[in-house]
C-alpha atoms as a PDB file:
ATOM      1  CA  MET A   1     182.555 181.685 189.652  1.00  0.00           C
ATOM      2  CA  SER A   2     184.033 185.069 189.598  1.00  0.00           C
ATOM      3  CA  VAL A   3     187.978 185.641 189.798  1.00  0.00           C
ATOM      4  CA  ALA A   4     188.441 189.147 191.035  1.00  0.00           C
ATOM      5  CA  THR A   5     188.489 190.865 194.505  1.00  0.00           C
ATOM      6  CA  VAL A   6     187.100 194.185 195.096  1.00  0.00           C
ATOM      7  CA  GLU A   7     187.993 196.739 197.669  1.00  0.00           C
ATOM      8  CA  GLU A   8     185.275 197.676 200.092  1.00  0.00           C
ATOM      9  CA  GLY A   9     183.799 201.062 199.016  1.00  0.00           C
ATOM     10  CA  PRO A  10     182.302 202.064 195.154  1.00  0.00           C
ATOM     11  CA  LEU A  11     183.730 200.182 192.265  1.00  0.00           C
ATOM     12  CA  LEU A  12     184.401 203.841 190.683  1.00  0.00           C
ATOM     13  CA  GLY A  13     187.181 204.878 192.944  1.00  0.00           C
ATOM     14  CA  PRO A  14     188.973 201.915 194.311  1.00  0.00           C
ATOM     15  CA  SER A  15     190.180 198.960 192.317  1.00  0.00           C
ATOM     16  CA  PHE A  16     189.809 195.486 191.691  1.00  0.00           C
ATOM     17  CA  PHE A  17     192.270 192.454 190.788  1.00  0.00           C
ATOM     18  CA  LEU A  18     192.354 189.150 189.477  1.00  0.00           C
ATOM     19  CA  ASN A  19     192.517 186.210 192.001  1.00  0.00           C
ATOM     20  CA  ARG A  20     195.642 184.345 190.797  1.00  0.00           C
ATOM     21  CA  THR A  21     195.097 180.810 192.362  1.00  0.00           C
ATOM     22  CA  ALA A  22     190.896 181.228 191.179  1.00  0.00           C
ATOM     23  CA  LEU A  23     192.284 181.835 187.783  1.00  0.00           C
ATOM     24  CA  ARG A  24     194.670 178.943 188.356  1.00  0.00           C
ATOM     25  CA  SER A  25     191.787 176.703 189.410  1.00  0.00           C
ATOM     26  CA  LEU A  26     189.378 177.663 186.418  1.00  0.00           C
ATOM     27  CA  ALA A  27     191.976 177.490 183.748  1.00  0.00           C
ATOM     28  CA  LEU A  28     192.626 173.809 184.295  1.00  0.00           C
ATOM     29  CA  ALA A  29     188.959 172.872 185.124  1.00  0.00           C
ATOM     30  CA  ARG A  30     188.629 174.357 181.386  1.00  0.00           C
ATOM     31  CA  ARG A  31     191.652 173.442 179.492  1.00  0.00           C
ATOM     32  CA  ASP A  32     190.530 170.502 177.855  1.00  0.00           C
ATOM     33  CA  THR A  33     187.692 172.302 176.871  1.00  0.00           C
ATOM     34  CA  TYR A  34     189.707 174.721 175.749  1.00  0.00           C
ATOM     35  CA  GLY A  35     191.673 172.278 173.466  1.00  0.00           C
ATOM     36  CA  GLY A  36     188.750 170.104 172.460  1.00  0.00           C
ATOM     37  CA  ALA A  37     186.689 172.419 170.963  1.00  0.00           C
ATOM     38  CA  ARG A  38     185.416 173.364 167.349  1.00  0.00           C
ATOM     39  CA  PRO A  39     186.006 174.431 164.954  1.00  0.00           C
ATOM     40  CA  HIS A  40     189.439 175.648 166.683  1.00  0.00           C
ATOM     41  CA  PRO A  41     190.304 175.808 170.280  1.00  0.00           C
ATOM     42  CA  HIS A  42     188.639 178.576 172.453  1.00  0.00           C
ATOM     43  CA  VAL A  43     186.657 178.524 175.183  1.00  0.00           C
ATOM     44  CA  VAL A  44     183.772 180.565 177.223  1.00  0.00           C
ATOM     45  CA  ILE A  45     183.797 181.657 180.633  1.00  0.00           C
ATOM     46  CA  ASP A  46     180.460 182.694 182.224  1.00  0.00           C
ATOM     47  CA  GLY A  47     180.525 185.506 185.555  1.00  0.00           C
ATOM     48  CA  LEU A  48     184.195 186.094 185.279  1.00  0.00           C
ATOM     49  CA  LEU A  49     184.131 189.044 187.547  1.00  0.00           C
ATOM     50  CA  GLY A  50     181.118 188.634 188.928  1.00  0.00           C
ATOM     51  CA  GLU A  51     176.997 190.450 187.962  1.00  0.00           C
ATOM     52  CA  ARG A  52     177.782 193.524 190.205  1.00  0.00           C
ATOM     53  CA  LEU A  53     181.517 194.633 189.224  1.00  0.00           C
ATOM     54  CA  ALA A  54     180.802 194.075 185.623  1.00  0.00           C
ATOM     55  CA  THR A  55     177.560 195.785 185.476  1.00  0.00           C
ATOM     56  CA  GLN A  56     179.249 198.979 187.218  1.00  0.00           C
ATOM     57  CA  LEU A  57     181.654 198.356 184.693  1.00  0.00           C
ATOM     58  CA  ALA A  58     179.550 198.210 181.978  1.00  0.00           C
ATOM     59  CA  GLY A  59     178.061 201.778 183.516  1.00  0.00           C
ATOM     60  CA  VAL A  60     180.753 203.430 182.299  1.00  0.00           C
ATOM     61  CA  PHE A  61     181.772 202.004 179.382  1.00  0.00           C
ATOM     62  CA  PRO A  62     181.982 205.290 177.068  1.00  0.00           C
ATOM     63  CA  GLY A  63     178.716 205.362 174.450  1.00  0.00           C
ATOM     64  CA  ALA A  64     178.891 206.730 170.966  1.00  0.00           C
ATOM     65  CA  THR A  65     179.507 210.199 172.055  1.00  0.00           C
ATOM     66  CA  GLY A  66     181.829 209.834 175.230  1.00  0.00           C
ATOM     67  CA  ALA A  67     185.072 209.084 173.656  1.00  0.00           C
ATOM     68  CA  PRO A  68     187.107 210.384 170.805  1.00  0.00           C
ATOM     69  CA  TRP A  69     186.643 207.327 168.737  1.00  0.00           C
ATOM     70  CA  MET A  70     187.652 206.341 164.709  1.00  0.00           C
ATOM     71  CA  ARG A  71     184.711 204.486 163.155  1.00  0.00           C
ATOM     72  CA  ARG A  72     184.952 202.062 160.567  1.00  0.00           C
ATOM     73  CA  ASP A  73     182.657 201.941 157.940  1.00  0.00           C
ATOM     74  CA  HIS A  74     183.849 199.732 154.994  1.00  0.00           C
ATOM     75  CA  PRO A  75     181.846 196.653 153.071  1.00  0.00           C
ATOM     76  CA  GLU A  76     183.900 194.579 156.120  1.00  0.00           C
ATOM     77  CA  GLN A  77     183.274 196.089 158.725  1.00  0.00           C
ATOM     78  CA  ALA A  78     179.962 199.075 159.505  1.00  0.00           C
ATOM     79  CA  ALA A  79     179.140 201.160 162.356  1.00  0.00           C
ATOM     80  CA  ARG A  80     182.008 199.909 164.445  1.00  0.00           C
ATOM     81  CA  LEU A  81     184.309 202.435 166.975  1.00  0.00           C
ATOM     82  CA  GLY A  82     187.534 201.767 168.112  1.00  0.00           C
ATOM     83  CA  GLN A  83     191.312 202.929 168.375  1.00  0.00           C
ATOM     84  CA  LEU A  84     190.943 204.941 171.672  1.00  0.00           C
ATOM     85  CA  GLN A  85     194.666 203.760 172.330  1.00  0.00           C
ATOM     86  CA  ARG A  86     195.662 206.517 169.814  1.00  0.00           C
ATOM     87  CA  LYS A  87     195.591 208.866 172.358  1.00  0.00           C
ATOM     88  CA  ALA A  88     195.749 206.399 175.164  1.00  0.00           C
ATOM     89  CA  PHE A  89     192.473 205.805 176.464  1.00  0.00           C
ATOM     90  CA  GLU A  90     191.709 209.181 176.990  1.00  0.00           C
ATOM     91  CA  GLY A  91     188.466 210.109 178.883  1.00  0.00           C
ATOM     92  CA  VAL A  92     187.724 206.628 179.268  1.00  0.00           C
ATOM     93  CA  HIS A  93     187.160 205.849 182.869  1.00  0.00           C
ATOM     94  CA  GLY A  94     189.828 204.867 185.855  1.00  0.00           C
ATOM     95  CA  ALA A  95     188.142 201.373 186.397  1.00  0.00           C
ATOM     96  CA  LEU A  96     188.138 200.456 182.640  1.00  0.00           C
ATOM     97  CA  ARG A  97     191.248 201.604 182.564  1.00  0.00           C
ATOM     98  CA  HIS A  98     192.597 199.361 185.449  1.00  0.00           C
ATOM     99  CA  LEU A  99     190.515 196.248 183.691  1.00  0.00           C
ATOM    100  CA  LEU A 100     192.678 196.549 180.757  1.00  0.00           C
ATOM    101  CA  ALA A 101     195.973 196.595 183.260  1.00  0.00           C
ATOM    102  CA  GLU A 102     194.948 193.491 184.650  1.00  0.00           C
ATOM    103  CA  LEU A 103     194.187 191.589 181.682  1.00  0.00           C
ATOM    104  CA  SER A 104     198.224 192.348 180.733  1.00  0.00           C
ATOM    105  CA  GLY A 105     199.302 191.361 184.524  1.00  0.00           C
ATOM    106  CA  MET A 106     200.929 188.214 185.637  1.00  0.00           C
ATOM    107  CA  ALA A 107     197.485 186.655 187.029  1.00  0.00           C
ATOM    108  CA  PHE A 108     195.421 187.057 184.105  1.00  0.00           C
ATOM    109  CA  LEU A 109     198.636 185.711 182.122  1.00  0.00           C
ATOM    110  CA  ASP A 110     199.389 182.578 184.087  1.00  0.00           C
ATOM    111  CA  PHE A 111     195.741 182.143 183.601  1.00  0.00           C
ATOM    112  CA  LEU A 112     196.091 182.312 179.973  1.00  0.00           C
ATOM    113  CA  GLU A 113     199.253 179.733 179.948  1.00  0.00           C
ATOM    114  CA  THR A 114     197.410 177.212 182.014  1.00  0.00           C
ATOM    115  CA  LEU A 115     194.382 176.614 179.686  1.00  0.00           C
ATOM    116  CA  THR A 116     196.138 177.056 176.530  1.00  0.00           C
ATOM    117  CA  GLY A 117     199.443 175.243 177.129  1.00  0.00           C
ATOM    118  CA  ILE A 118     200.975 178.329 174.913  1.00  0.00           C
ATOM    119  CA  LYS A 119     204.055 178.956 177.384  1.00  0.00           C
ATOM    120  CA  GLY A 120     206.171 182.636 177.137  1.00  0.00           C
ATOM    121  CA  LEU A 121     202.942 184.730 175.847  1.00  0.00           C
ATOM    122  CA  ILE A 122     203.720 188.262 175.729  1.00  0.00           C
ATOM    123  CA  PRO A 123     200.819 191.233 175.962  1.00  0.00           C
ATOM    124  CA  ASP A 124     200.458 194.420 174.132  1.00  0.00           C
ATOM    125  CA  PRO A 125     200.316 197.241 176.462  1.00  0.00           C
ATOM    126  CA  HIS A 126     199.630 199.792 173.090  1.00  0.00           C
ATOM    127  CA  PHE A 127     196.331 197.722 172.697  1.00  0.00           C
ATOM    128  CA  ARG A 128     196.856 197.909 168.995  1.00  0.00           C
ATOM    129  CA  GLY A 129     193.837 196.714 166.932  1.00  0.00           C
ATOM    130  CA  ALA A 130     192.076 195.625 170.287  1.00  0.00           C
ATOM    131  CA  GLY A 131     191.332 197.708 173.635  1.00  0.00           C
ATOM    132  CA  LEU A 132     187.658 199.068 173.446  1.00  0.00           C
ATOM    133  CA  HIS A 133     185.377 198.142 170.614  1.00  0.00           C
ATOM    134  CA  LEU A 134     181.407 199.564 170.205  1.00  0.00           C
ATOM    135  CA  THR A 135     179.606 198.396 167.375  1.00  0.00           C
ATOM    136  CA  LEU A 136     176.309 200.433 166.620  1.00  0.00           C
ATOM    137  CA  ARG A 137     172.928 199.048 165.596  1.00  0.00           C
ATOM    138  CA  GLY A 138     173.381 198.251 161.930  1.00  0.00           C
ATOM    139  CA  GLY A 139     177.115 197.324 162.336  1.00  0.00           C
ATOM    140  CA  HIS A 140     178.731 194.503 161.251  1.00  0.00           C
ATOM    141  CA  LEU A 141     182.414 192.718 161.021  1.00  0.00           C
ATOM    142  CA  ALA A 142     182.676 190.162 158.860  1.00  0.00           C
ATOM    143  CA  LEU A 143     183.994 186.668 158.754  1.00  0.00           C
ATOM    144  CA  HIS A 144     187.775 187.290 159.488  1.00  0.00           C
ATOM    145  CA  ALA A 145     191.546 185.973 159.941  1.00  0.00           C
ATOM    146  CA  ASP A 146     193.148 188.273 162.477  1.00  0.00           C
ATOM    147  CA  PHE A 147     196.394 189.886 161.757  1.00  0.00           C
ATOM    148  CA  ASN A 148     199.076 187.374 162.408  1.00  0.00           C
ATOM    149  CA  ARG A 149     202.456 189.585 163.576  1.00  0.00           C
ATOM    150  CA  ASP A 150     203.063 191.841 166.044  1.00  0.00           C
ATOM    151  CA  ARG A 151     205.764 193.979 163.326  1.00  0.00           C
ATOM    152  CA  THR A 152     207.004 196.374 165.472  1.00  0.00           C
ATOM    153  CA  ARG A 153     207.809 193.591 167.787  1.00  0.00           C
ATOM    154  CA  ALA A 154     208.783 191.172 165.527  1.00  0.00           C
ATOM    155  CA  LEU A 155     206.282 188.903 167.799  1.00  0.00           C
ATOM    156  CA  SER A 156     203.894 186.002 166.321  1.00  0.00           C
ATOM    157  CA  ARG A 157     199.836 186.126 167.099  1.00  0.00           C
ATOM    158  CA  ARG A 158     198.836 182.860 169.452  1.00  0.00           C
ATOM    159  CA  LEU A 159     195.587 184.410 171.521  1.00  0.00           C
ATOM    160  CA  THR A 160     192.147 186.538 171.194  1.00  0.00           C
ATOM    161  CA  VAL A 161     190.577 187.588 174.303  1.00  0.00           C
ATOM    162  CA  LEU A 162     186.950 189.188 174.411  1.00  0.00           C
ATOM    163  CA  TYR A 163     185.514 190.119 177.367  1.00  0.00           C
ATOM    164  CA  TYR A 164     181.356 191.619 176.763  1.00  0.00           C
ATOM    165  CA  LEU A 165     179.621 194.148 178.916  1.00  0.00           C
ATOM    166  CA  ASN A 166     176.470 194.287 177.869  1.00  0.00           C
ATOM    167  CA  PRO A 167     173.803 194.344 180.560  1.00  0.00           C
ATOM    168  CA  GLY A 168     170.241 193.163 179.311  1.00  0.00           C
ATOM    169  CA  TRP A 169     171.501 191.535 175.950  1.00  0.00           C
ATOM    170  CA  GLU A 170     168.076 190.790 174.079  1.00  0.00           C
ATOM    171  CA  PRO A 171     168.661 187.238 171.340  1.00  0.00           C
ATOM    172  CA  ALA A 172     166.790 189.319 168.802  1.00  0.00           C
ATOM    173  CA  TRP A 173     169.487 192.030 168.557  1.00  0.00           C
ATOM    174  CA  GLY A 174     172.241 189.623 166.941  1.00  0.00           C
ATOM    175  CA  GLY A 175     175.409 190.055 167.743  1.00  0.00           C
ATOM    176  CA  ASP A 176     176.849 186.253 168.018  1.00  0.00           C
ATOM    177  CA  LEU A 177     180.337 185.969 167.293  1.00  0.00           C
ATOM    178  CA  GLU A 178     180.005 183.027 165.211  1.00  0.00           C
ATOM    179  CA  LEU A 179     182.558 181.046 164.573  1.00  0.00           C
ATOM    180  CA  TRP A 180     183.242 178.869 161.512  1.00  0.00           C
ATOM    181  CA  ASN A 181     185.069 175.745 160.042  1.00  0.00           C
ATOM    182  CA  ALA A 182     188.543 176.270 157.955  1.00  0.00           C
ATOM    183  CA  ASP A 183     186.718 175.631 154.606  1.00  0.00           C
ATOM    184  CA  LEU A 184     183.643 178.713 155.253  1.00  0.00           C
ATOM    185  CA  SER A 185     181.129 176.022 154.686  1.00  0.00           C
ATOM    186  CA  ARG A 186     179.461 175.561 158.390  1.00  0.00           C
ATOM    187  CA  CYS A 187     179.013 177.939 161.677  1.00  0.00           C
ATOM    188  CA  GLU A 188     180.017 175.292 163.977  1.00  0.00           C
ATOM    189  CA  ALA A 189     179.705 177.912 167.475  1.00  0.00           C
ATOM    190  CA  ARG A 190     177.662 180.794 168.376  1.00  0.00           C
ATOM    191  CA  ILE A 191     178.282 182.935 171.353  1.00  0.00           C
ATOM    192  CA  ALA A 192     176.299 185.647 172.745  1.00  0.00           C
ATOM    193  CA  PRO A 193     178.135 188.933 173.509  1.00  0.00           C
ATOM    194  CA  VAL A 194     176.634 189.032 177.432  1.00  0.00           C
ATOM    195  CA  LEU A 195     177.312 190.612 180.426  1.00  0.00           C
ATOM    196  CA  ASP A 196     180.530 189.635 181.893  1.00  0.00           C
ATOM    197  CA  ARG A 197     181.369 186.364 179.085  1.00  0.00           C
ATOM    198  CA  LEU A 198     184.892 186.253 178.728  1.00  0.00           C
ATOM    199  CA  VAL A 199     185.653 184.178 175.348  1.00  0.00           C
ATOM    200  CA  VAL A 200     189.631 182.818 174.678  1.00  0.00           C
ATOM    201  CA  MET A 201     190.562 182.055 171.212  1.00  0.00           C
ATOM    202  CA  ALA A 202     193.001 180.755 169.773  1.00  0.00           C
ATOM    203  CA  HIS A 203     195.370 182.230 166.680  1.00  0.00           C
ATOM    204  CA  GLY A 204     194.945 180.341 162.816  1.00  0.00           C
ATOM    205  CA  ASP A 205     194.650 181.728 159.187  1.00  0.00           C
ATOM    206  CA  THR A 206     191.875 179.982 159.599  1.00  0.00           C
ATOM    207  CA  HIS A 207     189.877 180.773 162.368  1.00  0.00           C
ATOM    208  CA  TRP A 208     186.926 182.407 160.984  1.00  0.00           C
ATOM    209  CA  HIS A 209     184.844 184.382 163.008  1.00  0.00           C
ATOM    210  CA  GLY A 210     182.870 187.912 163.233  1.00  0.00           C
ATOM    211  CA  HIS A 211     179.531 188.674 163.493  1.00  0.00           C
ATOM    212  CA  PRO A 212     178.369 189.890 160.049  1.00  0.00           C
ATOM    213  CA  ALA A 213     174.372 190.097 160.279  1.00  0.00           C
ATOM    214  CA  ALA A 214     173.874 194.122 160.937  1.00  0.00           C
ATOM    215  CA  LEU A 215     173.271 194.481 164.560  1.00  0.00           C
ATOM    216  CA  ALA A 216     169.302 195.250 165.191  1.00  0.00           C
ATOM    217  CA  CYS A 217     169.536 196.405 169.046  1.00  0.00           C
ATOM    218  CA  PRO A 218     168.351 199.833 169.882  1.00  0.00           C
ATOM    219  CA  GLU A 219     169.096 203.080 168.869  1.00  0.00           C
ATOM    220  CA  ASP A 220     170.391 204.118 172.381  1.00  0.00           C
ATOM    221  CA  ARG A 221     172.460 201.228 172.813  1.00  0.00           C
ATOM    222  CA  GLY A 222     175.596 199.122 171.059  1.00  0.00           C
ATOM    223  CA  ARG A 223     177.732 196.049 171.051  1.00  0.00           C
ATOM    224  CA  ALA A 224     180.519 196.897 174.236  1.00  0.00           C
ATOM    225  CA  THR A 225     183.400 193.996 174.233  1.00  0.00           C
ATOM    226  CA  VAL A 226     186.986 194.631 175.526  1.00  0.00           C
ATOM    227  CA  ALA A 227     189.773 192.917 173.398  1.00  0.00           C
ATOM    228  CA  ALA A 228     193.190 192.168 174.214  1.00  0.00           C
ATOM    229  CA  TYR A 229     195.830 190.079 171.789  1.00  0.00           C
ATOM    230  CA  PHE A 230     198.266 187.748 173.422  1.00  0.00           C
ATOM    231  CA  TYR A 231     201.846 186.969 171.740  1.00  0.00           C
ATOM    232  CA  THR A 232     205.175 184.901 171.940  1.00  0.00           C
ATOM    233  CA  ALA A 233     208.836 185.163 170.815  1.00  0.00           C
ATOM    234  CA  GLU A 234     210.512 183.560 167.785  1.00  0.00           C
ATOM    235  CA  GLU A 235     213.605 182.429 169.675  1.00  0.00           C
ATOM    236  CA  SER A 236     216.474 183.500 167.158  1.00  0.00           C
ATOM    237  CA  PRO A 237     219.386 181.250 165.595  1.00  0.00           C
ATOM    238  CA  ASP A 238     221.533 184.073 166.413  1.00  0.00           C
ATOM    239  CA  ALA A 239     220.905 184.758 170.174  1.00  0.00           C
ATOM    240  CA  PRO A 240     223.391 184.369 171.982  1.00  0.00           C
ATOM    241  CA  GLU A 241     223.505 181.611 174.882  1.00  0.00           C
ATOM    242  CA  ALA A 242     221.303 182.697 178.354  1.00  0.00           C
ATOM    243  CA  HIS A 243     223.110 183.152 181.479  1.00  0.00           C
ATOM    244  CA  SER A 244     222.224 184.442 184.677  1.00  0.00           C
ATOM    245  CA  ALA A 245     223.846 187.778 186.070  1.00  0.00           C
ATOM    246  CA  LEU A 246     227.719 188.509 185.267  1.00  0.00           C
ATOM    247  CA  TRP A 247     229.563 189.363 188.772  1.00  0.00           C
ATOM    248  CA  ALA A 248     232.055 191.619 188.323  1.00  0.00           C
ATOM    249  CA  PRO A 249     235.223 189.979 190.399  1.00  0.00           C
ATOM    250  CA  ALA A 250     235.385 191.397 193.855  1.00  0.00           C
ATOM    251  CA  ARG A 251     238.636 194.464 194.659  1.00  0.00           C
ATOM    252  CA  SER A 252     241.196 193.823 196.682  1.00  0.00           C
END
């Protein structure tokens, strides 16, 4: 089920827009699946944008030498490229930048709130830790629980959204997202990073996930992911009582 509307003409000039009505219907249809999923709330949605649009987005996803990536090579993560937000996604194709904006927009926020029941979700326009990720052959991401706060804005992490852009991804290449139970005794879900697949996951300090096995994809391929994180604000006891606009008295 595609929830995107594409304007006529070649994609890479015009825009596409997420359909608020279609997204709401999708959220209502899948919210029980999200809430009842194990080992923690999550949902996998295929065909979000449609194969044609997703394939075109995959075609402009930057390769290993096509953007000012920062590379991570640590015991916990290796051959992983990211941090394009440091330079405001300079050099990234406009269609991908538009996708990032749509993931921060009204239609998608309404979708997430309806799907998860979490109200007041706040996107991160700076995409700290998120944005575009590319993992190369031999790379991996160890099991981990995500950071829990946006310290700059004093917000609490609530959701992780992952969207995969990997046409023709072969099972033998690995790269499945693994979701493990709280005591790390077993993997309860495996999610292949195939083209046009959306994953929405709840945040939690025992929500272990990653793709810990080394990728076996060809040298000229990589595991391409678009990531976005969502937060909520905590109400302060010192906050003033809410009110509507204050109008000055009419002047005679």
